[in-house]
Amino acid sequence: MDDVVVPDRVQRLLRERVVAALPVLERRAASEADRAGRRAAAVTMTLLPVPGATGEGPLADEVAFVLTRRARSLRAHSGQWALPGGRIDTGETPEQAGRREVAEEVGLALGPDTVLGLLDDYPTRSGYVITPVVLWGGGAGSPAPNPDEVGELHLPALSEIDHAPRFLTIPESDAPVIQVPLFDRYVHAPTGAVLHQFREVVLHGRPTRVAHLEQPVFAWR
C-alpha cells in the first residue's frame, strides 16, 4: 500500500475519526492476579489510509491495518496470524514497545505522536499480558517486513474484520473461543480478540470486553 496518494488533510480526518471513537471504551488494565507469573507485552493496531480515501466515506472502507503471519522459522507460534508486537523491555511503556516492534517487524518508524490510544489488556495462556496500542502509520512510508520475523504481510481494510465472530466451546475451558472471520479463514485470540474489540469500539461504538474470551488449545503453549 502506498500512502502518498492520500493527502495529509484526508489522513488527519481519518485519524481524528479514530481518536473520536476510542473514548467509548473505558480501558481496563489487567489485575495484579492476572499479571502474576506473566510477562508484559504490547501488540499494535497500526492503521494506514486506504489509497484513494476521501476522509468522508465509511471508516471501515478508508482505513487499513497491518497484519502479519509469523515466520515459520520462529520457535513460538510460527505461522500464526499476528499483529506487530512483542515483549515490553525494562523501562519501556507499552506505547514505546509497540512503536519499536512496528519498526523492527515491518519497517515503519513511528513517533510518539502516532499513538492514538490503548485497548483492554489481554492475559494469554502462553504467559503474557498483552496491551494493544493503536497507532497511526500514515505518512511513514510503505511497510517493509523483516523476513526473520514476518512470513507474510497483509494490509486489509477494516471492512475485512467487520463481521460477527464465531464462538466455540471446548472441553478444556468454560470460556468461549473466539474466531474472527478473515480471508475465508478464522483468526483466534489473542489476535482475534484484539481485532474484535477494535471493530466493536471504533466501527460500532460499543465498549465490548474481550479479556474473558478463550484461545484455542494450540495457542496455550
N, C-alpha and C. Protein backbone atom coordinates (compact mmCIF):
# COMPACT_ATOMS: atom_id res chain seq x y z
N MET A 1 0.85 -1.19 0.00
CA MET A 1 0.00 0.00 0.00
C MET A 1 0.88 1.23 0.00
N ASP A 2 0.60 2.18 -0.86
CA ASP A 2 1.38 3.41 -0.96
C ASP A 2 0.51 4.57 -0.50
N ASP A 3 0.87 5.19 0.65
CA ASP A 3 0.01 6.21 1.21
C ASP A 3 0.25 7.59 0.62
N VAL A 4 1.15 7.74 -0.37
CA VAL A 4 1.43 9.06 -0.91
C VAL A 4 0.23 9.60 -1.69
N VAL A 5 -0.69 8.72 -2.09
CA VAL A 5 -1.85 9.20 -2.84
C VAL A 5 -2.92 9.78 -1.92
N VAL A 6 -2.72 9.68 -0.62
CA VAL A 6 -3.71 10.17 0.33
C VAL A 6 -3.21 11.49 0.91
N PRO A 7 -3.88 12.60 0.63
CA PRO A 7 -3.44 13.91 1.12
C PRO A 7 -3.39 13.96 2.65
N ASP A 8 -2.51 14.82 3.16
CA ASP A 8 -2.40 14.98 4.61
C ASP A 8 -3.73 15.36 5.23
N ARG A 9 -4.50 16.20 4.56
CA ARG A 9 -5.80 16.63 5.09
C ARG A 9 -6.72 15.44 5.31
N VAL A 10 -6.72 14.52 4.36
CA VAL A 10 -7.56 13.33 4.48
C VAL A 10 -7.05 12.44 5.60
N GLN A 11 -5.75 12.29 5.71
CA GLN A 11 -5.19 11.48 6.78
C GLN A 11 -5.57 12.05 8.14
N ARG A 12 -5.55 13.37 8.27
CA ARG A 12 -5.94 13.98 9.54
C ARG A 12 -7.40 13.70 9.86
N LEU A 13 -8.26 13.76 8.85
CA LEU A 13 -9.67 13.46 9.06
C LEU A 13 -9.88 12.03 9.54
N LEU A 14 -9.21 11.09 8.89
CA LEU A 14 -9.35 9.68 9.27
C LEU A 14 -8.81 9.44 10.67
N ARG A 15 -7.66 10.00 10.94
CA ARG A 15 -7.06 9.85 12.27
C ARG A 15 -7.99 10.42 13.34
N GLU A 16 -8.53 11.60 13.10
CA GLU A 16 -9.42 12.23 14.07
C GLU A 16 -10.67 11.40 14.31
N ARG A 17 -11.15 10.73 13.28
CA ARG A 17 -12.34 9.90 13.46
C ARG A 17 -12.05 8.69 14.34
N VAL A 18 -10.87 8.11 14.19
CA VAL A 18 -10.48 7.00 15.07
C VAL A 18 -10.33 7.50 16.50
N VAL A 19 -9.63 8.61 16.68
CA VAL A 19 -9.42 9.17 18.01
C VAL A 19 -10.76 9.47 18.69
N ALA A 20 -11.70 9.99 17.93
CA ALA A 20 -13.00 10.33 18.48
C ALA A 20 -13.79 9.10 18.91
N ALA A 21 -13.53 7.97 18.28
CA ALA A 21 -14.27 6.75 18.59
C ALA A 21 -13.73 6.02 19.81
N LEU A 22 -12.44 6.14 20.10
CA LEU A 22 -11.82 5.33 21.14
C LEU A 22 -12.34 5.58 22.55
N PRO A 23 -12.72 6.81 22.93
CA PRO A 23 -13.15 7.04 24.32
C PRO A 23 -14.41 6.30 24.75
N VAL A 24 -15.15 5.69 23.82
CA VAL A 24 -16.31 4.91 24.23
C VAL A 24 -15.89 3.75 25.13
N LEU A 25 -14.63 3.35 25.03
CA LEU A 25 -14.10 2.25 25.85
C LEU A 25 -13.34 2.84 27.04
N GLU A 26 -13.79 2.53 28.24
CA GLU A 26 -13.01 2.86 29.43
C GLU A 26 -12.04 1.71 29.66
N ARG A 27 -10.82 1.92 29.22
CA ARG A 27 -9.84 0.84 29.16
C ARG A 27 -9.65 0.15 30.51
N ARG A 28 -9.53 -1.18 30.44
CA ARG A 28 -9.25 -1.97 31.63
C ARG A 28 -7.85 -2.55 31.56
N ALA A 29 -7.05 -2.25 32.57
CA ALA A 29 -5.74 -2.87 32.70
C ALA A 29 -5.90 -4.21 33.39
N ALA A 30 -4.97 -5.10 33.17
CA ALA A 30 -5.01 -6.41 33.82
C ALA A 30 -4.85 -6.26 35.33
N SER A 31 -5.51 -7.12 36.06
CA SER A 31 -5.41 -7.11 37.51
C SER A 31 -4.05 -7.67 37.95
N GLU A 32 -3.73 -7.43 39.21
CA GLU A 32 -2.48 -7.98 39.75
C GLU A 32 -2.50 -9.51 39.68
N ALA A 33 -3.66 -10.09 39.90
CA ALA A 33 -3.76 -11.55 39.83
C ALA A 33 -3.48 -12.05 38.41
N ASP A 34 -4.00 -11.34 37.41
CA ASP A 34 -3.75 -11.74 36.02
C ASP A 34 -2.29 -11.52 35.64
N ARG A 35 -1.64 -10.53 36.24
CA ARG A 35 -0.25 -10.24 35.91
C ARG A 35 0.72 -11.21 36.56
N ALA A 36 0.31 -11.85 37.64
CA ALA A 36 1.19 -12.74 38.38
C ALA A 36 1.69 -13.88 37.48
N GLY A 37 3.00 -13.98 37.35
CA GLY A 37 3.58 -15.05 36.56
C GLY A 37 3.56 -14.81 35.06
N ARG A 38 3.06 -13.67 34.62
CA ARG A 38 3.01 -13.35 33.20
C ARG A 38 3.93 -12.17 32.88
N ARG A 39 4.48 -12.19 31.67
CA ARG A 39 5.34 -11.10 31.21
C ARG A 39 4.51 -10.08 30.43
N ALA A 40 4.99 -8.84 30.47
CA ALA A 40 4.28 -7.76 29.79
C ALA A 40 4.67 -7.71 28.32
N ALA A 41 3.67 -7.52 27.46
CA ALA A 41 3.92 -7.43 26.02
C ALA A 41 2.96 -6.39 25.44
N ALA A 42 3.30 -5.94 24.25
CA ALA A 42 2.44 -4.98 23.54
C ALA A 42 2.22 -5.49 22.12
N VAL A 43 1.02 -5.30 21.62
CA VAL A 43 0.73 -5.52 20.20
C VAL A 43 0.13 -4.24 19.65
N THR A 44 0.12 -4.11 18.34
CA THR A 44 -0.33 -2.85 17.76
C THR A 44 -1.41 -3.06 16.70
N MET A 45 -2.37 -2.15 16.74
CA MET A 45 -3.27 -1.94 15.61
C MET A 45 -2.70 -0.75 14.88
N THR A 46 -1.87 -1.02 13.88
CA THR A 46 -1.21 0.05 13.14
C THR A 46 -2.05 0.37 11.92
N LEU A 47 -2.60 1.57 11.90
CA LEU A 47 -3.58 1.96 10.90
C LEU A 47 -2.94 2.77 9.78
N LEU A 48 -3.43 2.53 8.56
CA LEU A 48 -2.95 3.23 7.37
C LEU A 48 -4.16 3.63 6.53
N PRO A 49 -4.08 4.75 5.82
CA PRO A 49 -5.18 5.12 4.94
C PRO A 49 -5.20 4.23 3.70
N VAL A 50 -6.37 3.87 3.26
CA VAL A 50 -6.52 3.13 2.01
C VAL A 50 -6.29 4.10 0.85
N PRO A 51 -5.48 3.73 -0.15
CA PRO A 51 -5.27 4.64 -1.29
C PRO A 51 -6.60 5.09 -1.89
N GLY A 52 -6.71 6.39 -2.14
CA GLY A 52 -7.93 6.94 -2.68
C GLY A 52 -8.95 7.35 -1.65
N ALA A 53 -8.63 7.17 -0.35
CA ALA A 53 -9.57 7.56 0.70
C ALA A 53 -9.87 9.06 0.62
N THR A 54 -11.09 9.41 0.99
CA THR A 54 -11.51 10.81 0.96
C THR A 54 -11.65 11.40 2.36
N GLY A 55 -11.70 10.55 3.37
CA GLY A 55 -11.93 11.02 4.73
C GLY A 55 -13.40 11.14 5.06
N GLU A 56 -14.26 10.96 4.08
CA GLU A 56 -15.70 11.14 4.27
C GLU A 56 -16.50 9.86 4.09
N GLY A 57 -15.87 8.82 3.57
CA GLY A 57 -16.57 7.55 3.40
C GLY A 57 -16.59 6.75 4.68
N PRO A 58 -17.20 5.56 4.66
CA PRO A 58 -17.19 4.70 5.85
C PRO A 58 -15.76 4.41 6.31
N LEU A 59 -15.53 4.56 7.60
CA LEU A 59 -14.19 4.35 8.14
C LEU A 59 -13.67 2.95 7.80
N ALA A 60 -14.56 1.98 7.80
CA ALA A 60 -14.17 0.60 7.52
C ALA A 60 -13.58 0.43 6.13
N ASP A 61 -13.99 1.30 5.19
CA ASP A 61 -13.50 1.20 3.82
C ASP A 61 -12.29 2.08 3.56
N GLU A 62 -12.02 3.03 4.43
CA GLU A 62 -10.98 4.02 4.16
C GLU A 62 -9.73 3.86 5.00
N VAL A 63 -9.77 2.93 5.96
CA VAL A 63 -8.61 2.69 6.83
C VAL A 63 -8.28 1.21 6.79
N ALA A 64 -6.98 0.91 6.70
CA ALA A 64 -6.49 -0.46 6.73
C ALA A 64 -5.61 -0.65 7.97
N PHE A 65 -5.20 -1.89 8.22
CA PHE A 65 -4.32 -2.15 9.36
C PHE A 65 -3.26 -3.17 8.96
N VAL A 66 -2.18 -3.19 9.72
CA VAL A 66 -1.06 -4.08 9.44
C VAL A 66 -1.29 -5.42 10.15
N LEU A 67 -1.32 -6.48 9.37
CA LEU A 67 -1.49 -7.83 9.88
C LEU A 67 -0.40 -8.71 9.28
N THR A 68 0.17 -9.58 10.09
CA THR A 68 1.23 -10.46 9.60
C THR A 68 0.91 -11.92 9.89
N ARG A 69 1.64 -12.78 9.21
CA ARG A 69 1.75 -14.18 9.63
C ARG A 69 3.19 -14.38 10.07
N ARG A 70 3.34 -14.92 11.25
CA ARG A 70 4.67 -15.09 11.82
C ARG A 70 5.50 -16.03 10.97
N ALA A 71 6.80 -15.74 10.87
CA ALA A 71 7.71 -16.55 10.07
C ALA A 71 7.70 -18.00 10.57
N ARG A 72 7.82 -18.93 9.65
CA ARG A 72 7.83 -20.35 10.00
C ARG A 72 9.06 -20.73 10.80
N SER A 73 10.11 -19.92 10.71
CA SER A 73 11.36 -20.22 11.41
C SER A 73 11.31 -19.86 12.89
N LEU A 74 10.29 -19.12 13.33
CA LEU A 74 10.21 -18.72 14.73
C LEU A 74 9.87 -19.92 15.62
N ARG A 75 10.42 -19.93 16.81
CA ARG A 75 10.21 -21.07 17.71
C ARG A 75 8.80 -21.06 18.31
N ALA A 76 8.28 -19.88 18.59
CA ALA A 76 6.97 -19.79 19.24
C ALA A 76 5.92 -19.28 18.26
N HIS A 77 4.80 -20.00 18.20
CA HIS A 77 3.62 -19.57 17.42
C HIS A 77 3.96 -19.29 15.95
N SER A 78 4.84 -20.09 15.38
CA SER A 78 5.22 -19.89 13.99
C SER A 78 4.02 -20.08 13.07
N GLY A 79 3.93 -19.25 12.03
CA GLY A 79 2.88 -19.35 11.05
C GLY A 79 1.53 -18.80 11.47
N GLN A 80 1.42 -18.32 12.72
CA GLN A 80 0.12 -17.84 13.18
C GLN A 80 -0.10 -16.38 12.77
N TRP A 81 -1.37 -15.99 12.66
CA TRP A 81 -1.72 -14.60 12.41
C TRP A 81 -1.28 -13.77 13.60
N ALA A 82 -0.77 -12.57 13.34
CA ALA A 82 -0.28 -11.73 14.43
C ALA A 82 -0.35 -10.26 14.05
N LEU A 83 -0.50 -9.44 15.07
CA LEU A 83 -0.32 -8.00 14.94
C LEU A 83 1.10 -7.68 15.38
N PRO A 84 1.76 -6.72 14.76
CA PRO A 84 3.13 -6.41 15.17
C PRO A 84 3.21 -6.15 16.68
N GLY A 85 4.17 -6.79 17.32
CA GLY A 85 4.29 -6.62 18.76
C GLY A 85 5.30 -7.57 19.36
N GLY A 86 5.47 -7.47 20.67
CA GLY A 86 6.43 -8.32 21.36
C GLY A 86 6.55 -7.90 22.81
N ARG A 87 7.55 -8.45 23.48
CA ARG A 87 7.76 -8.16 24.90
C ARG A 87 8.06 -6.68 25.13
N ILE A 88 7.63 -6.21 26.28
CA ILE A 88 7.97 -4.86 26.72
C ILE A 88 9.28 -4.94 27.49
N ASP A 89 10.28 -4.24 27.02
CA ASP A 89 11.58 -4.24 27.68
C ASP A 89 11.55 -3.44 28.97
N THR A 90 12.51 -3.71 29.84
CA THR A 90 12.61 -2.97 31.10
C THR A 90 12.71 -1.47 30.82
N GLY A 91 11.88 -0.70 31.50
CA GLY A 91 11.90 0.75 31.33
C GLY A 91 11.03 1.27 30.21
N GLU A 92 10.45 0.37 29.40
CA GLU A 92 9.58 0.79 28.30
C GLU A 92 8.13 0.89 28.75
N THR A 93 7.40 1.77 28.11
CA THR A 93 5.95 1.78 28.22
C THR A 93 5.38 0.89 27.11
N PRO A 94 4.11 0.49 27.22
CA PRO A 94 3.52 -0.26 26.10
C PRO A 94 3.58 0.51 24.79
N GLU A 95 3.37 1.81 24.86
CA GLU A 95 3.41 2.63 23.65
C GLU A 95 4.80 2.59 23.01
N GLN A 96 5.83 2.72 23.83
CA GLN A 96 7.20 2.67 23.30
C GLN A 96 7.52 1.30 22.71
N ALA A 97 7.11 0.26 23.42
CA ALA A 97 7.37 -1.10 22.93
C ALA A 97 6.65 -1.35 21.61
N GLY A 98 5.39 -0.91 21.52
CA GLY A 98 4.64 -1.09 20.30
C GLY A 98 5.29 -0.41 19.11
N ARG A 99 5.73 0.82 19.30
CA ARG A 99 6.38 1.56 18.21
C ARG A 99 7.69 0.89 17.82
N ARG A 100 8.44 0.40 18.80
CA ARG A 100 9.70 -0.29 18.50
C ARG A 100 9.44 -1.56 17.70
N GLU A 101 8.45 -2.32 18.11
CA GLU A 101 8.16 -3.58 17.42
C GLU A 101 7.68 -3.34 15.99
N VAL A 102 6.91 -2.30 15.77
CA VAL A 102 6.47 -1.98 14.41
C VAL A 102 7.68 -1.65 13.53
N ALA A 103 8.64 -0.92 14.09
CA ALA A 103 9.85 -0.62 13.32
C ALA A 103 10.65 -1.88 13.03
N GLU A 104 10.77 -2.76 14.02
CA GLU A 104 11.58 -3.97 13.85
C GLU A 104 10.92 -4.97 12.91
N GLU A 105 9.61 -5.10 12.99
CA GLU A 105 8.92 -6.14 12.22
C GLU A 105 8.54 -5.70 10.81
N VAL A 106 8.06 -4.48 10.68
CA VAL A 106 7.54 -4.05 9.36
C VAL A 106 8.14 -2.74 8.86
N GLY A 107 9.19 -2.25 9.53
CA GLY A 107 9.96 -1.13 9.00
C GLY A 107 9.28 0.22 9.01
N LEU A 108 8.28 0.41 9.86
CA LEU A 108 7.64 1.71 9.96
C LEU A 108 8.15 2.43 11.21
N ALA A 109 8.84 3.55 11.01
CA ALA A 109 9.35 4.35 12.13
C ALA A 109 8.29 5.37 12.53
N LEU A 110 7.67 5.14 13.68
CA LEU A 110 6.54 5.96 14.12
C LEU A 110 6.91 6.70 15.41
N GLY A 111 6.66 7.98 15.43
CA GLY A 111 6.98 8.79 16.58
C GLY A 111 5.92 8.72 17.66
N PRO A 112 6.18 9.33 18.83
CA PRO A 112 5.21 9.30 19.93
C PRO A 112 3.86 9.89 19.56
N ASP A 113 3.84 10.83 18.61
CA ASP A 113 2.59 11.47 18.24
C ASP A 113 1.68 10.57 17.41
N THR A 114 2.15 9.38 17.05
CA THR A 114 1.32 8.44 16.28
C THR A 114 0.45 7.56 17.17
N VAL A 115 0.66 7.63 18.49
CA VAL A 115 -0.12 6.82 19.42
C VAL A 115 -1.51 7.43 19.59
N LEU A 116 -2.54 6.65 19.25
CA LEU A 116 -3.92 7.14 19.34
C LEU A 116 -4.62 6.69 20.61
N GLY A 117 -4.19 5.59 21.20
CA GLY A 117 -4.84 5.11 22.41
C GLY A 117 -4.51 3.65 22.67
N LEU A 118 -5.13 3.11 23.71
CA LEU A 118 -4.92 1.72 24.13
C LEU A 118 -6.26 1.02 24.25
N LEU A 119 -6.25 -0.28 23.98
CA LEU A 119 -7.41 -1.13 24.23
C LEU A 119 -7.19 -1.90 25.53
N ASP A 120 -8.14 -2.77 25.88
CA ASP A 120 -8.03 -3.54 27.12
C ASP A 120 -6.85 -4.50 27.09
N ASP A 121 -6.23 -4.70 28.26
CA ASP A 121 -5.21 -5.74 28.39
C ASP A 121 -5.84 -7.11 28.17
N TYR A 122 -5.03 -8.02 27.64
CA TYR A 122 -5.50 -9.39 27.40
C TYR A 122 -4.46 -10.37 27.96
N PRO A 123 -4.80 -11.11 29.03
CA PRO A 123 -3.88 -12.13 29.55
C PRO A 123 -3.93 -13.38 28.68
N THR A 124 -2.78 -13.87 28.27
CA THR A 124 -2.75 -15.03 27.38
C THR A 124 -2.42 -16.31 28.14
N ARG A 125 -2.78 -17.41 27.53
CA ARG A 125 -2.47 -18.72 28.09
C ARG A 125 -0.97 -19.03 28.03
N SER A 126 -0.27 -18.36 27.12
CA SER A 126 1.16 -18.64 26.95
C SER A 126 2.04 -17.80 27.85
N GLY A 127 1.44 -17.04 28.79
CA GLY A 127 2.24 -16.39 29.81
C GLY A 127 2.52 -14.92 29.62
N TYR A 128 1.64 -14.21 28.92
CA TYR A 128 1.83 -12.78 28.71
C TYR A 128 0.57 -12.02 29.09
N VAL A 129 0.76 -10.75 29.43
CA VAL A 129 -0.33 -9.79 29.47
C VAL A 129 -0.08 -8.82 28.33
N ILE A 130 -0.97 -8.85 27.35
CA ILE A 130 -0.80 -8.05 26.14
C ILE A 130 -1.57 -6.73 26.27
N THR A 131 -0.88 -5.64 25.99
CA THR A 131 -1.53 -4.33 25.91
C THR A 131 -1.61 -3.92 24.45
N PRO A 132 -2.80 -3.79 23.87
CA PRO A 132 -2.94 -3.36 22.47
C PRO A 132 -2.80 -1.84 22.35
N VAL A 133 -1.91 -1.41 21.48
CA VAL A 133 -1.63 0.01 21.24
C VAL A 133 -2.14 0.37 19.84
N VAL A 134 -2.96 1.39 19.74
CA VAL A 134 -3.48 1.85 18.45
C VAL A 134 -2.56 2.95 17.94
N LEU A 135 -2.01 2.74 16.73
CA LEU A 135 -1.05 3.67 16.13
C LEU A 135 -1.56 4.14 14.78
N TRP A 136 -1.21 5.37 14.41
CA TRP A 136 -1.47 5.86 13.07
C TRP A 136 -0.18 5.80 12.28
N GLY A 137 -0.16 4.95 11.24
CA GLY A 137 1.04 4.73 10.45
C GLY A 137 1.08 5.48 9.14
N GLY A 138 0.03 6.26 8.84
CA GLY A 138 0.01 7.01 7.59
C GLY A 138 1.12 8.05 7.55
N GLY A 139 1.75 8.18 6.39
CA GLY A 139 2.82 9.16 6.23
C GLY A 139 4.20 8.63 6.56
N ALA A 140 4.28 7.38 7.03
CA ALA A 140 5.58 6.81 7.41
C ALA A 140 6.17 5.96 6.30
N GLY A 141 5.57 5.97 5.12
CA GLY A 141 6.06 5.15 4.03
C GLY A 141 5.34 3.82 3.97
N SER A 142 5.83 2.95 3.11
CA SER A 142 5.21 1.63 2.94
C SER A 142 5.88 0.61 3.85
N PRO A 143 5.12 -0.31 4.45
CA PRO A 143 5.72 -1.33 5.31
C PRO A 143 6.70 -2.21 4.54
N ALA A 144 7.78 -2.57 5.21
CA ALA A 144 8.80 -3.45 4.65
C ALA A 144 9.06 -4.56 5.66
N PRO A 145 8.44 -5.74 5.49
CA PRO A 145 8.53 -6.78 6.51
C PRO A 145 9.93 -7.33 6.70
N ASN A 146 10.26 -7.61 7.95
CA ASN A 146 11.52 -8.26 8.31
C ASN A 146 11.35 -9.76 8.13
N PRO A 147 12.05 -10.40 7.19
CA PRO A 147 11.82 -11.82 6.92
C PRO A 147 12.17 -12.74 8.08
N ASP A 148 12.98 -12.26 9.02
CA ASP A 148 13.31 -13.08 10.18
C ASP A 148 12.11 -13.24 11.12
N GLU A 149 11.15 -12.32 11.03
CA GLU A 149 10.01 -12.35 11.92
C GLU A 149 8.68 -12.50 11.21
N VAL A 150 8.61 -12.03 9.97
CA VAL A 150 7.34 -11.96 9.25
C VAL A 150 7.38 -12.87 8.02
N GLY A 151 6.45 -13.83 7.98
CA GLY A 151 6.33 -14.68 6.82
C GLY A 151 5.46 -14.09 5.74
N GLU A 152 4.41 -13.38 6.15
CA GLU A 152 3.50 -12.72 5.21
C GLU A 152 3.09 -11.38 5.80
N LEU A 153 2.91 -10.39 4.94
CA LEU A 153 2.40 -9.09 5.34
C LEU A 153 1.09 -8.83 4.62
N HIS A 154 0.07 -8.43 5.36
CA HIS A 154 -1.23 -8.10 4.78
C HIS A 154 -1.66 -6.74 5.29
N LEU A 155 -2.37 -6.00 4.44
CA LEU A 155 -2.89 -4.68 4.79
C LEU A 155 -4.39 -4.62 4.48
N PRO A 156 -5.18 -5.39 5.21
CA PRO A 156 -6.63 -5.43 4.92
C PRO A 156 -7.33 -4.16 5.39
N ALA A 157 -8.35 -3.75 4.66
CA ALA A 157 -9.21 -2.68 5.13
C ALA A 157 -9.96 -3.16 6.37
N LEU A 158 -10.36 -2.22 7.22
CA LEU A 158 -11.11 -2.58 8.41
C LEU A 158 -12.41 -3.31 8.08
N SER A 159 -12.93 -3.09 6.88
CA SER A 159 -14.15 -3.80 6.48
C SER A 159 -13.96 -5.31 6.48
N GLU A 160 -12.72 -5.76 6.32
CA GLU A 160 -12.44 -7.20 6.30
C GLU A 160 -12.69 -7.86 7.66
N ILE A 161 -12.64 -7.05 8.74
CA ILE A 161 -12.91 -7.63 10.06
C ILE A 161 -14.27 -7.18 10.60
N ASP A 162 -15.05 -6.50 9.77
CA ASP A 162 -16.35 -6.01 10.22
C ASP A 162 -17.42 -7.07 10.02
N HIS A 163 -17.22 -8.19 10.70
CA HIS A 163 -18.16 -9.32 10.64
C HIS A 163 -18.31 -9.88 12.04
N ALA A 164 -19.45 -10.43 12.32
CA ALA A 164 -19.68 -11.05 13.63
C ALA A 164 -18.75 -12.24 13.79
N PRO A 165 -18.11 -12.36 14.94
CA PRO A 165 -17.23 -13.51 15.16
C PRO A 165 -18.02 -14.78 15.45
N ARG A 166 -17.32 -15.88 15.42
CA ARG A 166 -17.89 -17.15 15.80
C ARG A 166 -17.34 -17.53 17.17
N PHE A 167 -18.18 -18.12 18.02
CA PHE A 167 -17.76 -18.54 19.35
C PHE A 167 -17.94 -20.05 19.47
N LEU A 168 -16.88 -20.72 19.91
CA LEU A 168 -16.90 -22.17 20.06
C LEU A 168 -16.74 -22.55 21.53
N THR A 169 -17.23 -23.72 21.87
CA THR A 169 -16.99 -24.28 23.20
C THR A 169 -15.97 -25.40 23.08
N ILE A 170 -15.12 -25.50 24.09
CA ILE A 170 -14.12 -26.56 24.11
C ILE A 170 -14.15 -27.22 25.49
N PRO A 171 -13.82 -28.51 25.58
CA PRO A 171 -13.89 -29.19 26.88
C PRO A 171 -12.86 -28.68 27.88
N GLU A 172 -11.79 -28.05 27.40
CA GLU A 172 -10.71 -27.62 28.29
C GLU A 172 -11.00 -26.32 29.04
N SER A 173 -12.09 -25.62 28.68
CA SER A 173 -12.36 -24.32 29.28
C SER A 173 -13.85 -24.02 29.29
N ASP A 174 -14.27 -23.24 30.30
CA ASP A 174 -15.66 -22.80 30.35
C ASP A 174 -15.89 -21.55 29.51
N ALA A 175 -14.81 -20.88 29.09
CA ALA A 175 -14.93 -19.64 28.33
C ALA A 175 -15.04 -19.95 26.84
N PRO A 176 -15.76 -19.11 26.08
CA PRO A 176 -15.89 -19.35 24.64
C PRO A 176 -14.61 -18.99 23.89
N VAL A 177 -14.29 -19.78 22.89
CA VAL A 177 -13.17 -19.50 21.99
C VAL A 177 -13.68 -18.59 20.88
N ILE A 178 -13.02 -17.45 20.68
CA ILE A 178 -13.43 -16.52 19.64
C ILE A 178 -12.70 -16.83 18.33
N GLN A 179 -13.44 -16.77 17.24
CA GLN A 179 -12.88 -16.92 15.89
C GLN A 179 -13.39 -15.75 15.05
N VAL A 180 -12.47 -14.93 14.57
CA VAL A 180 -12.82 -13.77 13.74
C VAL A 180 -12.63 -14.15 12.27
N PRO A 181 -13.68 -14.09 11.45
CA PRO A 181 -13.53 -14.47 10.05
C PRO A 181 -12.69 -13.45 9.29
N LEU A 182 -11.73 -13.97 8.52
CA LEU A 182 -10.85 -13.11 7.73
C LEU A 182 -10.21 -13.95 6.63
N PHE A 183 -10.28 -13.48 5.39
CA PHE A 183 -9.67 -14.16 4.25
C PHE A 183 -10.16 -15.60 4.11
N ASP A 184 -11.45 -15.83 4.35
CA ASP A 184 -12.04 -17.17 4.27
C ASP A 184 -11.43 -18.14 5.28
N ARG A 185 -10.85 -17.59 6.33
CA ARG A 185 -10.30 -18.39 7.42
C ARG A 185 -10.78 -17.77 8.72
N TYR A 186 -10.18 -18.22 9.84
CA TYR A 186 -10.53 -17.65 11.13
C TYR A 186 -9.26 -17.28 11.89
N VAL A 187 -9.30 -16.12 12.54
CA VAL A 187 -8.21 -15.66 13.39
C VAL A 187 -8.66 -15.82 14.83
N HIS A 188 -7.84 -16.50 15.62
CA HIS A 188 -8.18 -16.77 17.01
C HIS A 188 -7.55 -15.73 17.95
N ALA A 189 -7.96 -15.79 19.21
CA ALA A 189 -7.33 -14.96 20.24
C ALA A 189 -5.89 -15.45 20.46
N PRO A 190 -4.98 -14.54 20.85
CA PRO A 190 -5.26 -13.16 21.25
C PRO A 190 -5.47 -12.17 20.09
N THR A 191 -4.92 -12.46 18.91
CA THR A 191 -5.08 -11.51 17.80
C THR A 191 -6.55 -11.29 17.48
N GLY A 192 -7.32 -12.37 17.42
CA GLY A 192 -8.73 -12.24 17.11
C GLY A 192 -9.49 -11.43 18.14
N ALA A 193 -9.10 -11.54 19.42
CA ALA A 193 -9.76 -10.76 20.47
C ALA A 193 -9.49 -9.27 20.29
N VAL A 194 -8.25 -8.92 19.96
CA VAL A 194 -7.90 -7.51 19.75
C VAL A 194 -8.66 -6.96 18.54
N LEU A 195 -8.68 -7.72 17.46
CA LEU A 195 -9.40 -7.27 16.26
C LEU A 195 -10.89 -7.07 16.55
N HIS A 196 -11.46 -7.99 17.31
CA HIS A 196 -12.89 -7.89 17.62
C HIS A 196 -13.17 -6.66 18.47
N GLN A 197 -12.36 -6.43 19.50
CA GLN A 197 -12.60 -5.26 20.33
C GLN A 197 -12.43 -3.97 19.55
N PHE A 198 -11.40 -3.90 18.70
CA PHE A 198 -11.21 -2.69 17.89
C PHE A 198 -12.41 -2.46 16.99
N ARG A 199 -12.88 -3.52 16.36
CA ARG A 199 -14.07 -3.39 15.49
C ARG A 199 -15.27 -2.88 16.27
N GLU A 200 -15.51 -3.46 17.44
CA GLU A 200 -16.66 -3.07 18.23
C GLU A 200 -16.57 -1.61 18.66
N VAL A 201 -15.40 -1.20 19.13
CA VAL A 201 -15.23 0.15 19.67
C VAL A 201 -15.21 1.20 18.57
N VAL A 202 -14.35 1.00 17.57
CA VAL A 202 -14.11 2.06 16.59
C VAL A 202 -15.16 2.08 15.48
N LEU A 203 -15.59 0.93 15.03
CA LEU A 203 -16.55 0.90 13.93
C LEU A 203 -18.01 0.95 14.40
N HIS A 204 -18.28 0.51 15.65
CA HIS A 204 -19.67 0.42 16.08
C HIS A 204 -19.97 1.14 17.39
N GLY A 205 -18.98 1.72 18.03
CA GLY A 205 -19.24 2.49 19.24
C GLY A 205 -19.71 1.67 20.41
N ARG A 206 -19.29 0.39 20.46
CA ARG A 206 -19.72 -0.48 21.54
C ARG A 206 -18.53 -0.83 22.44
N PRO A 207 -18.60 -0.58 23.74
CA PRO A 207 -17.47 -0.86 24.65
C PRO A 207 -17.39 -2.34 25.03
N THR A 208 -17.20 -3.16 24.05
CA THR A 208 -17.22 -4.62 24.23
C THR A 208 -15.93 -5.10 24.90
N ARG A 209 -16.06 -5.99 25.87
CA ARG A 209 -14.91 -6.57 26.56
C ARG A 209 -14.51 -7.90 25.92
N VAL A 210 -13.22 -8.20 25.97
CA VAL A 210 -12.74 -9.42 25.31
C VAL A 210 -11.77 -10.23 26.15
N ALA A 211 -11.34 -9.71 27.31
CA ALA A 211 -10.30 -10.39 28.08
C ALA A 211 -10.73 -11.78 28.54
N HIS A 212 -12.04 -12.01 28.62
CA HIS A 212 -12.55 -13.31 29.07
C HIS A 212 -12.58 -14.34 27.96
N LEU A 213 -12.39 -13.91 26.73
CA LEU A 213 -12.52 -14.83 25.60
C LEU A 213 -11.32 -15.77 25.52
N GLU A 214 -11.60 -16.99 25.18
CA GLU A 214 -10.59 -18.05 25.25
C GLU A 214 -9.79 -18.16 23.96
N GLN A 215 -8.58 -18.69 24.11
CA GLN A 215 -7.74 -19.05 22.98
C GLN A 215 -7.91 -20.54 22.67
N PRO A 216 -7.65 -20.95 21.42
CA PRO A 216 -7.67 -22.38 21.13
C PRO A 216 -6.50 -23.07 21.84
N VAL A 217 -6.65 -24.34 22.09
CA VAL A 217 -5.65 -25.08 22.88
C VAL A 217 -4.27 -25.03 22.23
N PHE A 218 -4.21 -25.01 20.88
CA PHE A 218 -2.89 -24.99 20.23
C PHE A 218 -2.11 -23.71 20.54
N ALA A 219 -2.80 -22.65 21.00
CA ALA A 219 -2.12 -21.39 21.31
C ALA A 219 -1.78 -21.27 22.80
N TRP A 220 -2.04 -22.30 23.59
CA TRP A 220 -1.79 -22.22 25.02
C TRP A 220 -0.31 -22.33 25.36
N ARG A 221 0.50 -22.80 24.44
CA ARG A 221 1.92 -23.00 24.75
C ARG A 221 2.70 -21.71 24.58
